[in-house]
Amino acid sequence: MASTQKTVDFVLEQIATAGSVSARKMFGEYAIYCGEKTVALVCDNQLFVKATDQGRELIEDCVEKPPFPGAKPWLYVSGELWDDHVWLAKLIRATALHLPPPTKAKRKAKA
């Protein structure tokens, strides 16, 4: 089941104070960015945040599970935690701060 734009808009509204946040639709689901870093995914209207030690510390009873089949485990953020916009923005900010900068894709030389 694909995620809805309404869900993504709500998440973006809740994390707006984390910095420059945006979303990009990918294969019916959404990637959430803070600056240029991918910090979270919305899959099946569920929120998954990239796993960092700082994120694990912020989430009580942390659950890690893959956002889609074949993916590595991410931090699952249950829906009841979404309403605390201060805490959610703090989680996104901490995650972005502790992720490495995105790598630039290398272009293949034309033959």
N, C-alpha and C. Protein backbone atom coordinates (compact mmCIF):
# COMPACT_ATOMS: atom_id res chain seq x y z
N MET A 1 0.84 -1.18 0.00
CA MET A 1 0.00 0.00 0.00
C MET A 1 0.88 1.24 0.00
N ALA A 2 0.66 2.14 -0.89
CA ALA A 2 1.45 3.36 -0.99
C ALA A 2 1.04 4.36 0.09
N SER A 3 1.97 5.19 0.47
CA SER A 3 1.71 6.23 1.46
C SER A 3 0.93 7.37 0.83
N THR A 4 0.20 8.11 1.65
CA THR A 4 -0.59 9.22 1.15
C THR A 4 0.16 10.54 1.32
N GLN A 5 -0.13 11.48 0.44
CA GLN A 5 0.47 12.81 0.53
C GLN A 5 0.06 13.48 1.84
N LYS A 6 -1.14 13.21 2.31
CA LYS A 6 -1.63 13.78 3.57
C LYS A 6 -0.72 13.38 4.74
N THR A 7 -0.32 12.13 4.79
CA THR A 7 0.57 11.66 5.85
C THR A 7 1.92 12.35 5.78
N VAL A 8 2.48 12.44 4.58
CA VAL A 8 3.78 13.07 4.39
C VAL A 8 3.71 14.55 4.76
N ASP A 9 2.65 15.23 4.35
CA ASP A 9 2.49 16.64 4.69
C ASP A 9 2.43 16.84 6.20
N PHE A 10 1.74 15.93 6.90
CA PHE A 10 1.66 16.03 8.36
C PHE A 10 3.04 15.85 8.99
N VAL A 11 3.80 14.86 8.54
CA VAL A 11 5.14 14.63 9.08
C VAL A 11 6.02 15.86 8.83
N LEU A 12 5.98 16.40 7.62
CA LEU A 12 6.78 17.58 7.30
C LEU A 12 6.40 18.77 8.18
N GLU A 13 5.12 18.93 8.44
CA GLU A 13 4.66 20.01 9.31
C GLU A 13 5.19 19.81 10.73
N GLN A 14 5.18 18.59 11.20
CA GLN A 14 5.64 18.29 12.56
C GLN A 14 7.14 18.49 12.73
N ILE A 15 7.93 18.28 11.68
CA ILE A 15 9.39 18.39 11.80
C ILE A 15 9.94 19.68 11.20
N ALA A 16 9.07 20.62 10.90
CA ALA A 16 9.49 21.85 10.21
C ALA A 16 10.60 22.60 10.95
N THR A 17 10.64 22.54 12.26
CA THR A 17 11.66 23.28 13.01
C THR A 17 13.01 22.57 13.03
N ALA A 18 13.09 21.40 12.42
CA ALA A 18 14.36 20.65 12.38
C ALA A 18 15.36 21.27 11.41
N GLY A 19 14.89 22.11 10.52
CA GLY A 19 15.75 22.71 9.51
C GLY A 19 15.06 22.71 8.17
N SER A 20 15.82 22.66 7.12
CA SER A 20 15.26 22.63 5.77
C SER A 20 14.81 21.21 5.45
N VAL A 21 13.52 20.94 5.65
CA VAL A 21 12.99 19.59 5.44
C VAL A 21 12.15 19.55 4.16
N SER A 22 12.21 18.40 3.51
CA SER A 22 11.44 18.22 2.28
C SER A 22 11.19 16.73 2.09
N ALA A 23 10.35 16.42 1.11
CA ALA A 23 10.05 15.02 0.80
C ALA A 23 10.12 14.83 -0.70
N ARG A 24 10.46 13.62 -1.09
CA ARG A 24 10.52 13.26 -2.50
C ARG A 24 9.84 11.91 -2.66
N LYS A 25 8.90 11.86 -3.60
CA LYS A 25 8.18 10.61 -3.84
C LYS A 25 9.07 9.64 -4.61
N MET A 26 9.08 8.40 -4.12
CA MET A 26 9.89 7.35 -4.75
C MET A 26 9.12 6.04 -4.70
N PHE A 27 8.74 5.53 -5.84
CA PHE A 27 8.09 4.23 -5.95
C PHE A 27 6.83 4.13 -5.09
N GLY A 28 6.06 5.18 -5.00
CA GLY A 28 4.83 5.18 -4.23
C GLY A 28 5.03 5.49 -2.76
N GLU A 29 6.27 5.59 -2.32
CA GLU A 29 6.60 5.93 -0.94
C GLU A 29 7.38 7.24 -0.96
N TYR A 30 7.84 7.68 0.20
CA TYR A 30 8.49 8.99 0.28
C TYR A 30 9.78 8.93 1.09
N ALA A 31 10.78 9.67 0.62
CA ALA A 31 12.01 9.90 1.37
C ALA A 31 11.90 11.29 1.98
N ILE A 32 12.29 11.41 3.24
CA ILE A 32 12.28 12.69 3.94
C ILE A 32 13.73 13.17 4.07
N TYR A 33 13.94 14.41 3.71
CA TYR A 33 15.29 15.01 3.73
C TYR A 33 15.36 16.12 4.76
N CYS A 34 16.51 16.24 5.39
CA CYS A 34 16.84 17.39 6.21
C CYS A 34 18.11 17.94 5.59
N GLY A 35 18.00 19.08 4.95
CA GLY A 35 19.09 19.56 4.12
C GLY A 35 19.21 18.61 2.94
N GLU A 36 20.40 18.13 2.67
CA GLU A 36 20.61 17.20 1.56
C GLU A 36 20.65 15.75 2.02
N LYS A 37 20.47 15.51 3.31
CA LYS A 37 20.58 14.15 3.85
C LYS A 37 19.22 13.47 3.94
N THR A 38 19.18 12.22 3.51
CA THR A 38 17.98 11.42 3.68
C THR A 38 17.95 10.95 5.13
N VAL A 39 16.93 11.41 5.87
CA VAL A 39 16.88 11.09 7.30
C VAL A 39 15.75 10.13 7.65
N ALA A 40 14.75 10.02 6.78
CA ALA A 40 13.61 9.17 7.11
C ALA A 40 12.90 8.72 5.85
N LEU A 41 12.05 7.72 6.03
CA LEU A 41 11.18 7.23 4.97
C LEU A 41 9.77 7.14 5.51
N VAL A 42 8.80 7.42 4.65
CA VAL A 42 7.40 7.16 4.97
C VAL A 42 6.99 6.04 4.02
N CYS A 43 6.73 4.87 4.60
CA CYS A 43 6.35 3.69 3.83
C CYS A 43 5.08 3.11 4.45
N ASP A 44 4.08 2.86 3.62
CA ASP A 44 2.78 2.37 4.11
C ASP A 44 2.25 3.25 5.24
N ASN A 45 2.42 4.57 5.08
CA ASN A 45 1.97 5.55 6.06
C ASN A 45 2.58 5.32 7.45
N GLN A 46 3.79 4.78 7.48
CA GLN A 46 4.55 4.59 8.71
C GLN A 46 5.86 5.36 8.58
N LEU A 47 6.39 5.84 9.70
CA LEU A 47 7.61 6.62 9.69
C LEU A 47 8.79 5.79 10.17
N PHE A 48 9.84 5.81 9.36
CA PHE A 48 11.09 5.11 9.67
C PHE A 48 12.23 6.13 9.58
N VAL A 49 13.04 6.21 10.63
CA VAL A 49 14.15 7.15 10.68
C VAL A 49 15.45 6.36 10.58
N LYS A 50 16.42 6.90 9.83
CA LYS A 50 17.71 6.23 9.71
C LYS A 50 18.28 5.96 11.10
N ALA A 51 18.84 4.79 11.27
CA ALA A 51 19.34 4.38 12.57
C ALA A 51 20.66 5.07 12.91
N THR A 52 20.67 5.77 14.03
CA THR A 52 21.89 6.35 14.60
C THR A 52 21.84 6.08 16.11
N ASP A 53 22.98 6.11 16.75
CA ASP A 53 23.02 5.92 18.21
C ASP A 53 22.21 7.01 18.91
N GLN A 54 22.28 8.23 18.40
CA GLN A 54 21.57 9.35 19.01
C GLN A 54 20.05 9.15 18.87
N GLY A 55 19.62 8.65 17.73
CA GLY A 55 18.20 8.36 17.53
C GLY A 55 17.72 7.27 18.46
N ARG A 56 18.52 6.25 18.62
CA ARG A 56 18.17 5.16 19.55
C ARG A 56 17.99 5.68 20.97
N GLU A 57 18.83 6.62 21.37
CA GLU A 57 18.73 7.19 22.71
C GLU A 57 17.45 8.00 22.89
N LEU A 58 17.00 8.65 21.84
CA LEU A 58 15.80 9.49 21.93
C LEU A 58 14.49 8.69 21.91
N ILE A 59 14.53 7.51 21.35
CA ILE A 59 13.30 6.70 21.25
C ILE A 59 13.29 5.68 22.38
N GLU A 60 12.34 5.83 23.30
CA GLU A 60 12.19 4.84 24.37
C GLU A 60 11.64 3.56 23.74
N ASP A 61 12.08 2.44 24.23
CA ASP A 61 11.64 1.14 23.69
C ASP A 61 11.81 1.11 22.17
N CYS A 62 13.00 1.46 21.73
CA CYS A 62 13.33 1.56 20.32
C CYS A 62 13.06 0.25 19.58
N VAL A 63 12.35 0.35 18.47
CA VAL A 63 12.08 -0.79 17.61
C VAL A 63 12.74 -0.52 16.27
N GLU A 64 13.52 -1.48 15.80
CA GLU A 64 14.14 -1.36 14.49
C GLU A 64 13.54 -2.41 13.58
N LYS A 65 13.09 -1.96 12.42
CA LYS A 65 12.55 -2.90 11.43
C LYS A 65 12.72 -2.30 10.05
N PRO A 66 12.74 -3.15 9.03
CA PRO A 66 12.92 -2.64 7.67
C PRO A 66 11.65 -1.95 7.17
N PRO A 67 11.80 -0.82 6.48
CA PRO A 67 10.64 -0.10 5.96
C PRO A 67 9.98 -0.81 4.78
N PHE A 68 10.72 -1.69 4.11
CA PHE A 68 10.19 -2.48 3.00
C PHE A 68 11.00 -3.75 2.91
N PRO A 69 10.46 -4.79 2.28
CA PRO A 69 11.18 -6.07 2.20
C PRO A 69 12.56 -5.92 1.56
N GLY A 70 13.55 -6.51 2.21
CA GLY A 70 14.92 -6.47 1.70
C GLY A 70 15.75 -5.30 2.18
N ALA A 71 15.13 -4.36 2.89
CA ALA A 71 15.86 -3.18 3.39
C ALA A 71 16.52 -3.49 4.73
N LYS A 72 17.54 -2.71 5.05
CA LYS A 72 18.15 -2.79 6.37
C LYS A 72 17.17 -2.20 7.39
N PRO A 73 17.30 -2.59 8.66
CA PRO A 73 16.40 -2.03 9.68
C PRO A 73 16.63 -0.53 9.90
N TRP A 74 15.53 0.19 10.04
CA TRP A 74 15.53 1.61 10.38
C TRP A 74 14.80 1.73 11.71
N LEU A 75 14.87 2.89 12.34
CA LEU A 75 14.15 3.13 13.59
C LEU A 75 12.68 3.40 13.28
N TYR A 76 11.81 2.58 13.83
CA TYR A 76 10.38 2.75 13.61
C TYR A 76 9.84 3.74 14.64
N VAL A 77 9.12 4.76 14.15
CA VAL A 77 8.52 5.77 15.02
C VAL A 77 7.01 5.58 14.95
N SER A 78 6.44 5.09 16.04
CA SER A 78 5.00 4.79 16.05
C SER A 78 4.18 6.07 15.94
N GLY A 79 2.98 5.94 15.41
CA GLY A 79 2.11 7.08 15.14
C GLY A 79 1.81 7.95 16.34
N GLU A 80 1.71 7.35 17.53
CA GLU A 80 1.40 8.16 18.71
C GLU A 80 2.53 9.13 19.07
N LEU A 81 3.72 8.90 18.58
CA LEU A 81 4.84 9.81 18.83
C LEU A 81 4.88 10.99 17.86
N TRP A 82 4.12 10.92 16.79
CA TRP A 82 4.15 11.98 15.78
C TRP A 82 3.58 13.30 16.28
N ASP A 83 2.69 13.26 17.26
CA ASP A 83 2.04 14.48 17.73
C ASP A 83 2.97 15.39 18.52
N ASP A 84 4.05 14.86 19.06
CA ASP A 84 5.01 15.66 19.80
C ASP A 84 6.01 16.27 18.81
N HIS A 85 5.63 17.39 18.22
CA HIS A 85 6.44 17.99 17.15
C HIS A 85 7.81 18.43 17.64
N VAL A 86 7.93 18.84 18.90
CA VAL A 86 9.23 19.26 19.43
C VAL A 86 10.17 18.06 19.48
N TRP A 87 9.68 16.95 20.02
CA TRP A 87 10.50 15.74 20.12
C TRP A 87 10.83 15.19 18.73
N LEU A 88 9.85 15.15 17.83
CA LEU A 88 10.07 14.60 16.50
C LEU A 88 11.10 15.43 15.73
N ALA A 89 11.01 16.75 15.82
CA ALA A 89 11.99 17.62 15.16
C ALA A 89 13.38 17.41 15.76
N LYS A 90 13.44 17.19 17.07
CA LYS A 90 14.72 16.92 17.74
C LYS A 90 15.33 15.62 17.22
N LEU A 91 14.50 14.61 17.04
CA LEU A 91 14.96 13.32 16.50
C LEU A 91 15.51 13.49 15.09
N ILE A 92 14.81 14.22 14.25
CA ILE A 92 15.24 14.43 12.86
C ILE A 92 16.54 15.25 12.83
N ARG A 93 16.61 16.29 13.64
CA ARG A 93 17.82 17.13 13.71
C ARG A 93 19.02 16.32 14.17
N ALA A 94 18.85 15.51 15.22
CA ALA A 94 19.95 14.68 15.73
C ALA A 94 20.39 13.66 14.70
N THR A 95 19.44 13.09 13.99
CA THR A 95 19.77 12.11 12.96
C THR A 95 20.58 12.76 11.85
N ALA A 96 20.11 13.91 11.36
CA ALA A 96 20.82 14.61 10.28
C ALA A 96 22.23 15.01 10.71
N LEU A 97 22.36 15.45 11.95
CA LEU A 97 23.65 15.89 12.46
C LEU A 97 24.66 14.75 12.49
N HIS A 98 24.21 13.53 12.75
CA HIS A 98 25.12 12.41 12.93
C HIS A 98 25.21 11.48 11.71
N LEU A 99 24.63 11.87 10.61
CA LEU A 99 24.79 11.10 9.38
C LEU A 99 25.92 11.70 8.55
N PRO A 100 26.65 10.88 7.83
CA PRO A 100 27.71 11.42 6.97
C PRO A 100 27.09 12.22 5.83
N PRO A 101 27.85 13.13 5.24
CA PRO A 101 27.33 13.88 4.10
C PRO A 101 27.00 12.93 2.95
N PRO A 102 26.00 13.30 2.14
CA PRO A 102 25.66 12.43 1.01
C PRO A 102 26.81 12.36 0.01
N THR A 103 26.95 11.21 -0.61
CA THR A 103 28.00 11.05 -1.61
C THR A 103 27.46 11.45 -2.98
N LYS A 104 28.32 11.99 -3.78
CA LYS A 104 27.96 12.38 -5.13
C LYS A 104 28.09 11.16 -6.04
N ALA A 105 27.09 10.94 -6.86
CA ALA A 105 27.16 9.82 -7.81
C ALA A 105 28.18 10.14 -8.89
N LYS A 106 29.01 9.17 -9.19
CA LYS A 106 30.01 9.35 -10.23
C LYS A 106 29.36 9.12 -11.58
N ARG A 107 29.65 10.01 -12.49
CA ARG A 107 29.11 9.87 -13.84
C ARG A 107 30.07 9.06 -14.69
N LYS A 108 29.49 8.19 -15.49
CA LYS A 108 30.30 7.39 -16.39
C LYS A 108 30.70 8.23 -17.60
N ALA A 109 31.91 8.06 -18.01
CA ALA A 109 32.40 8.80 -19.19
C ALA A 109 31.74 8.21 -20.44
N LYS A 110 31.36 9.10 -21.35
CA LYS A 110 30.77 8.64 -22.60
C LYS A 110 31.85 8.06 -23.50
N ALA A 111 31.50 6.98 -24.14
CA ALA A 111 32.47 6.32 -25.03
C ALA A 111 32.52 6.95 -26.39
